[in-house]
Each structure stands twice: as structure tokens, then as C-alpha cells.
N, C-alpha and C. Protein backbone atom coordinates (compact mmCIF):
# COMPACT_ATOMS: atom_id res chain seq x y z
N MET A 1 7.86 -4.08 -10.26
CA MET A 1 7.79 -3.55 -8.66
C MET A 1 9.08 -2.89 -8.16
N ILE A 2 8.67 -1.75 -7.62
CA ILE A 2 10.36 -1.10 -7.16
C ILE A 2 10.04 -0.93 -5.77
N THR A 3 11.28 -0.54 -4.86
CA THR A 3 11.24 -0.24 -3.64
C THR A 3 10.44 0.89 -3.31
N LEU A 4 9.98 1.23 -2.16
CA LEU A 4 9.93 2.30 -1.68
C LEU A 4 10.55 3.61 -1.92
N ASN A 5 11.83 3.73 -1.67
CA ASN A 5 12.85 4.46 -1.95
C ASN A 5 12.79 5.07 -3.21
N GLU A 6 13.15 4.20 -4.15
CA GLU A 6 12.89 4.21 -6.09
C GLU A 6 11.20 4.89 -6.25
N PHE A 7 10.28 4.40 -5.29
CA PHE A 7 9.17 5.25 -5.98
C PHE A 7 9.11 6.71 -5.32
N PHE A 8 9.43 6.54 -3.84
CA PHE A 8 8.94 8.12 -3.14
C PHE A 8 10.16 8.73 -3.20
N ASP A 9 11.22 8.66 -3.17
CA ASP A 9 12.50 9.47 -2.88
C ASP A 9 12.48 10.39 -4.22
N GLY A 10 12.22 11.66 -3.99
CA GLY A 10 12.35 12.85 -5.07
C GLY A 10 11.05 12.79 -6.00
N ASN A 11 9.86 12.15 -5.28
CA ASN A 11 8.32 12.19 -6.08
C ASN A 11 7.76 12.97 -5.35
N ASP A 12 7.12 14.08 -6.03
CA ASP A 12 6.21 15.05 -5.29
C ASP A 12 5.38 15.07 -6.19
N ASN A 13 4.77 13.90 -7.00
CA ASN A 13 3.37 14.12 -7.67
C ASN A 13 2.45 13.41 -6.72
N GLU A 14 1.50 14.05 -6.18
CA GLU A 14 0.47 13.52 -5.40
C GLU A 14 -0.52 12.56 -5.95
N GLY A 15 -0.31 12.62 -7.39
CA GLY A 15 -1.12 11.91 -8.29
C GLY A 15 -0.60 10.43 -8.77
N SER A 16 0.67 10.13 -8.18
CA SER A 16 1.19 8.85 -8.51
C SER A 16 0.93 7.60 -7.89
N ILE A 17 0.02 7.93 -6.99
CA ILE A 17 -0.25 6.39 -6.37
C ILE A 17 -1.68 6.89 -5.63
N ALA A 18 -2.77 6.59 -5.70
CA ALA A 18 -4.29 6.66 -5.53
C ALA A 18 -4.95 7.89 -5.53
N PRO A 19 -4.51 8.30 -7.27
CA PRO A 19 -4.83 9.70 -7.22
C PRO A 19 -6.48 10.15 -7.12
N ASN A 20 -7.22 8.90 -7.29
CA ASN A 20 -8.68 9.12 -6.98
C ASN A 20 -8.92 9.30 -5.51
N GLN A 21 -7.75 9.32 -4.57
CA GLN A 21 -8.45 9.32 -3.12
C GLN A 21 -7.62 10.48 -2.72
N TRP A 22 -6.66 10.98 -3.49
CA TRP A 22 -6.04 12.30 -2.90
C TRP A 22 -7.08 13.16 -2.98
N GLY A 23 -7.23 14.14 -1.75
CA GLY A 23 -7.92 15.33 -1.86
C GLY A 23 -9.41 14.76 -1.37
N TYR A 24 -9.48 13.46 -0.83
CA TYR A 24 -10.68 12.79 -0.43
C TYR A 24 -10.42 11.81 0.90
N GLY A 25 -9.33 12.28 1.54
CA GLY A 25 -8.96 11.30 2.63
C GLY A 25 -7.13 10.58 2.41
N ARG A 26 -7.03 10.48 1.39
CA ARG A 26 -5.43 9.71 1.34
C ARG A 26 -4.59 10.72 1.88
N PRO A 27 -3.73 10.43 2.80
CA PRO A 27 -2.80 11.22 3.14
C PRO A 27 -1.61 11.94 2.26
N ALA A 28 -1.22 12.68 2.53
CA ALA A 28 -0.14 13.18 1.46
C ALA A 28 0.92 12.14 1.06
N LEU A 29 1.70 12.04 0.12
CA LEU A 29 2.62 11.39 -0.59
C LEU A 29 3.68 11.05 0.74
N ALA A 30 4.11 12.37 1.33
CA ALA A 30 5.30 12.23 2.29
C ALA A 30 4.72 11.09 3.40
N GLU A 31 3.44 11.40 3.76
CA GLU A 31 2.94 10.85 5.02
C GLU A 31 2.62 9.18 4.40
N LEU A 32 2.38 8.87 3.44
CA LEU A 32 1.92 7.60 3.10
C LEU A 32 3.16 6.90 2.55
N ALA A 33 4.28 7.81 2.39
CA ALA A 33 5.65 6.82 2.22
C ALA A 33 6.13 6.85 3.65
N GLU A 34 5.92 7.29 4.54
CA GLU A 34 6.36 7.37 6.03
C GLU A 34 5.80 6.23 6.58
N ARG A 35 4.51 6.12 6.37
CA ARG A 35 3.95 5.06 6.99
C ARG A 35 4.37 3.92 6.40
N LEU A 36 4.42 3.40 4.99
CA LEU A 36 4.64 2.40 4.66
C LEU A 36 6.41 1.92 4.80
N ARG A 37 7.37 2.88 5.03
CA ARG A 37 8.56 2.81 5.30
C ARG A 37 8.47 2.12 6.94
N VAL A 38 7.58 2.80 7.91
CA VAL A 38 7.44 2.02 9.11
C VAL A 38 6.93 0.80 9.23
N ILE A 39 6.11 0.50 8.42
CA ILE A 39 5.31 -1.09 8.31
C ILE A 39 6.60 -2.04 7.81
N GLU A 40 7.41 -1.40 6.72
CA GLU A 40 8.60 -1.95 6.21
C GLU A 40 9.92 -2.45 7.28
N GLN A 41 9.82 -1.64 8.29
CA GLN A 41 10.87 -1.98 9.30
C GLN A 41 10.38 -3.18 10.44
N ARG A 42 8.98 -3.69 10.02
CA ARG A 42 8.37 -4.50 11.20
C ARG A 42 9.25 -5.88 11.01
N GLU A 43 9.31 -6.58 12.17
CA GLU A 43 9.83 -7.90 12.02
C GLU A 43 8.95 -9.08 11.69
N ASP A 44 7.72 -8.73 11.45
CA ASP A 44 6.61 -9.77 10.53
C ASP A 44 6.70 -9.28 8.99
N VAL A 45 7.53 -8.06 8.62
CA VAL A 45 7.34 -7.91 7.51
C VAL A 45 8.82 -8.45 6.70
N ALA A 46 8.65 -9.10 5.39
CA ALA A 46 9.70 -9.26 4.66
C ALA A 46 10.12 -8.12 3.87
N TRP A 47 9.31 -7.82 3.09
CA TRP A 47 9.55 -6.60 2.24
C TRP A 47 8.18 -5.67 2.12
N VAL A 48 8.19 -4.55 1.50
CA VAL A 48 7.17 -3.75 0.80
C VAL A 48 7.99 -3.17 -0.60
N ARG A 49 6.70 -3.46 -1.42
CA ARG A 49 7.26 -2.73 -2.86
C ARG A 49 6.11 -2.00 -3.41
N VAL A 50 6.06 -1.13 -4.10
CA VAL A 50 5.30 -0.25 -5.10
C VAL A 50 5.20 -1.19 -6.41
N GLN A 51 3.96 -1.49 -6.67
CA GLN A 51 3.36 -2.20 -7.99
C GLN A 51 2.98 -1.24 -9.15
N LEU A 52 4.20 -1.14 -9.98
CA LEU A 52 3.78 -0.10 -11.01
C LEU A 52 2.40 -0.57 -11.95
N HIS A 53 1.83 0.67 -12.29
CA HIS A 53 0.61 0.46 -13.12
C HIS A 53 1.37 0.31 -14.60
N PRO A 54 0.75 -0.75 -15.31
CA PRO A 54 1.19 -0.98 -16.77
C PRO A 54 1.89 -0.04 -17.43
N GLU A 55 1.04 1.28 -17.56
CA GLU A 55 1.56 2.12 -18.55
C GLU A 55 2.64 2.97 -17.81
N THR A 56 2.95 2.76 -17.20
CA THR A 56 4.10 3.51 -16.45
C THR A 56 5.67 3.28 -17.40
N MET A 57 5.76 2.35 -18.08
CA MET A 57 6.79 2.17 -19.02
C MET A 57 6.56 3.01 -19.88
N GLU A 58 5.33 3.45 -20.44
CA GLU A 58 4.89 4.30 -21.66
C GLU A 58 5.12 6.18 -21.19
N MET A 59 5.03 6.01 -19.86
CA MET A 59 4.86 7.46 -19.38
C MET A 59 6.36 7.90 -18.94
N GLU A 60 6.39 8.94 -18.78
CA GLU A 60 7.67 9.72 -18.32
C GLU A 60 7.57 9.69 -16.56
N GLU A 61 6.69 9.79 -16.14
CA GLU A 61 6.37 9.77 -14.85
C GLU A 61 6.05 8.39 -13.99
N LEU A 62 6.35 7.95 -12.78
CA LEU A 62 5.84 6.85 -12.13
C LEU A 62 4.28 6.84 -11.90
N ALA A 63 3.63 5.67 -11.81
CA ALA A 63 2.42 5.37 -11.60
C ALA A 63 2.39 4.32 -10.68
N GLY A 64 2.14 4.48 -9.57
CA GLY A 64 1.85 3.09 -8.70
C GLY A 64 0.02 2.46 -8.85
N GLU A 65 0.24 1.50 -8.84
CA GLU A 65 -1.00 0.76 -9.11
C GLU A 65 -1.67 0.16 -7.70
N ALA A 66 -0.63 -0.37 -6.86
CA ALA A 66 -0.87 -0.95 -5.50
C ALA A 66 0.51 -0.86 -4.94
N VAL A 67 0.17 -1.46 -3.30
CA VAL A 67 1.67 -1.54 -2.78
C VAL A 67 1.55 -3.23 -2.08
N ALA A 68 2.49 -3.69 -2.52
CA ALA A 68 2.53 -5.28 -2.04
C ALA A 68 3.41 -5.24 -0.79
N ILE A 69 2.77 -5.94 0.14
CA ILE A 69 3.59 -6.07 1.48
C ILE A 69 3.38 -7.64 1.70
N CYS A 70 4.94 -8.29 1.94
CA CYS A 70 5.36 -9.76 2.13
C CYS A 70 5.09 -9.84 3.76
N THR A 71 4.42 -10.57 4.10
CA THR A 71 4.43 -10.47 5.86
C THR A 71 3.77 -11.65 6.23
N THR A 72 3.98 -11.86 7.59
CA THR A 72 3.22 -12.83 8.63
C THR A 72 2.19 -12.67 9.13
N ALA A 73 2.01 -11.40 9.25
CA ALA A 73 1.13 -10.82 10.04
C ALA A 73 -0.33 -11.04 9.69
N GLY A 74 -1.06 -11.38 10.88
CA GLY A 74 -2.71 -11.77 10.80
C GLY A 74 -3.74 -10.43 10.13
N GLU A 75 -4.91 -10.98 9.78
CA GLU A 75 -5.77 -9.72 9.24
C GLU A 75 -5.94 -8.65 10.12
N SER A 76 -6.03 -8.52 11.71
CA SER A 76 -6.39 -7.30 12.13
C SER A 76 -5.04 -6.19 11.88
N VAL A 77 -3.72 -6.74 12.31
CA VAL A 77 -2.87 -6.10 11.92
C VAL A 77 -2.55 -5.22 10.96
N ARG A 78 -2.67 -6.40 9.48
CA ARG A 78 -2.80 -5.45 8.36
C ARG A 78 -3.72 -4.33 8.00
N ALA A 79 -5.14 -4.86 8.69
CA ALA A 79 -6.26 -3.94 8.83
C ALA A 79 -5.94 -2.51 9.36
N ALA A 80 -5.28 -2.68 10.57
CA ALA A 80 -4.84 -1.66 11.07
C ALA A 80 -3.66 -0.81 10.43
N TRP A 81 -2.57 -1.46 9.63
CA TRP A 81 -1.72 -0.52 8.43
C TRP A 81 -2.50 0.15 7.68
N ILE A 82 -3.62 -0.18 7.22
CA ILE A 82 -3.93 0.68 6.02
C ILE A 82 -4.95 1.37 6.42
N GLU A 83 -5.43 1.59 8.03
CA GLU A 83 -6.49 2.54 8.28
C GLU A 83 -6.13 3.87 8.18
N GLY A 84 -6.93 4.78 7.43
CA GLY A 84 -6.71 6.07 7.03
C GLY A 84 -6.10 5.93 6.26
N LEU A 85 -5.77 5.34 5.09
CA LEU A 85 -5.03 5.62 3.77
C LEU A 85 -5.77 5.71 2.68
N GLU A 86 -7.45 5.68 2.91
CA GLU A 86 -8.59 5.32 2.00
C GLU A 86 -8.13 4.55 0.66
N ALA A 87 -7.65 3.29 1.41
CA ALA A 87 -7.44 2.23 0.92
C ALA A 87 -8.59 1.19 0.51
N SER A 88 -9.19 0.81 -0.63
CA SER A 88 -10.08 -0.12 -0.95
C SER A 88 -9.97 -1.51 -0.15
N GLY A 89 -9.17 -2.00 -0.10
CA GLY A 89 -8.78 -3.18 0.84
C GLY A 89 -7.61 -3.74 0.15
N THR A 90 -7.28 -5.19 0.80
CA THR A 90 -6.15 -5.94 0.64
C THR A 90 -6.56 -7.34 -0.23
N ILE A 91 -5.83 -7.65 -0.98
CA ILE A 91 -6.22 -9.08 -1.39
C ILE A 91 -4.68 -9.82 -1.30
N PRO A 92 -4.80 -11.20 -0.95
CA PRO A 92 -3.68 -12.10 -1.22
C PRO A 92 -2.97 -12.33 -2.22
N GLU A 93 -2.75 -11.33 -3.05
CA GLU A 93 -1.97 -11.79 -4.59
C GLU A 93 -1.41 -10.19 -5.20
N LEU A 94 -0.61 -10.43 -5.85
CA LEU A 94 -0.04 -9.25 -6.78
C LEU A 94 -0.98 -8.70 -7.88
N VAL A 95 -1.50 -7.71 -8.01
CA VAL A 95 -2.34 -7.29 -9.04
C VAL A 95 -1.91 -7.35 -10.43
N ASP A 96 -0.88 -7.57 -10.56
CA ASP A 96 -0.47 -7.85 -12.26
C ASP A 96 0.89 -8.78 -11.87
N VAL A 97 1.39 -9.11 -13.13
CA VAL A 97 2.41 -9.99 -13.30
C VAL A 97 3.67 -9.13 -13.35
N TYR A 98 4.63 -9.41 -12.29
CA TYR A 98 5.95 -8.67 -12.38
C TYR A 98 6.84 -9.39 -12.40
N ARG A 99 8.14 -9.08 -12.88
CA ARG A 99 9.58 -9.62 -12.63
C ARG A 99 10.04 -9.14 -11.67
N ASP A 100 11.27 -9.67 -11.12
CA ASP A 100 12.10 -9.57 -10.18
C ASP A 100 11.52 -9.29 -8.45
N ILE A 101 10.54 -10.31 -8.38
CA ILE A 101 9.64 -10.62 -7.39
C ILE A 101 10.94 -10.89 -6.23
N PRO A 102 10.92 -10.14 -4.99
CA PRO A 102 11.66 -10.92 -3.81
C PRO A 102 11.12 -12.25 -3.67
N ALA A 103 11.97 -12.98 -2.82
CA ALA A 103 11.47 -14.04 -2.26
C ALA A 103 10.54 -14.06 -1.25
N VAL A 104 9.47 -14.83 -1.04
CA VAL A 104 8.81 -14.89 -0.03
C VAL A 104 9.12 -15.92 0.82
N PRO A 105 9.42 -15.40 2.04
CA PRO A 105 9.80 -16.40 3.22
C PRO A 105 8.75 -17.32 3.54
N HIS A 106 9.01 -18.41 4.10
CA HIS A 106 8.01 -19.65 4.06
C HIS A 106 7.24 -19.15 5.47
N GLY A 107 5.90 -19.21 5.27
CA GLY A 107 4.82 -18.96 6.18
C GLY A 107 4.29 -17.25 5.94
N ALA A 108 4.77 -16.68 4.82
CA ALA A 108 4.81 -15.33 4.58
C ALA A 108 3.56 -15.23 3.23
N THR A 109 2.86 -14.14 2.96
CA THR A 109 1.91 -14.02 1.83
C THR A 109 2.08 -12.55 1.46
N VAL A 110 1.83 -12.54 0.47
CA VAL A 110 2.35 -11.00 -0.31
C VAL A 110 0.82 -10.68 -0.49
N TRP A 111 0.42 -9.33 0.46
CA TRP A 111 -0.86 -8.88 0.14
C TRP A 111 -0.64 -7.68 -0.72
N SER A 112 -1.51 -7.06 -1.75
CA SER A 112 -1.63 -6.10 -2.08
C SER A 112 -2.79 -5.25 -1.41
N VAL A 113 -2.19 -4.06 -1.28
CA VAL A 113 -3.04 -2.92 -0.79
C VAL A 113 -3.69 -2.09 -2.13
N MET A 114 -4.90 -2.03 -2.16
CA MET A 114 -5.29 -1.44 -3.57
C MET A 114 -6.15 -0.10 -3.34
N TRP A 115 -6.13 0.90 -4.39
CA TRP A 115 -7.22 1.94 -4.46
C TRP A 115 -7.73 1.71 -5.41
N ASP A 116 -8.96 1.94 -5.45
CA ASP A 116 -10.20 1.84 -6.82
C ASP A 116 -10.56 3.55 -6.77
């Protein structure tokens, strides 16, 4: 998993995350990055990270599999965050096994925003 800055700064590849939704309702990469950065600044959010696709290590470009949001926010709040992102939903876990996962504060849950 990497930070939003590590994934989005200097990244202009629209297919680097949710490529199947690009052109079909997913906002441009810059807008997606901005929306996630706004979420990251909320008091009820501990951190936000991009979960990399397993094949990223073999590729020269980044490929995001999902976005992890560590938060205490309730379901209706989380649903509002992803409205308009053309995400297929959220699950209360990471989509793969990762190293260097930031600490999860007491009472918080890590939710993965996924695109199929």
C-alpha cells in the first residue's frame, strides 16, 4: 500500500486505477485524487492508502487495485464519500495481504473501496 501522494503525484495514467470505469462515469484521476485527499483530512479518518495490484511489482507503472480508508465513519457517511466514483462498493477489509500497514486506531475499521 502506498500513500495518495505516492500514487497520484505525477501520475497522469487514467488507467492506473479503476480502468474499466474510466470513460464510463469514473471521474478523472486528478478529481479522484482530490476527493480522496479531502476524505483523508477528515477527523474521523486515520489514513487513506492505495492498495496496489499484485502485478505492479512486475510492471513499470503503478496499478491501483483498491483504496483503503481507515475510519470510524458510519455506513451512510462512507457511502456518500464514494458516490459518483463508479465504485462497486466497499468491504471491511483489505483486498490482499500487504506489508507496512499503518496502525488502525481503536474503534476504526479499514474499508476497501473497490472497482470491478
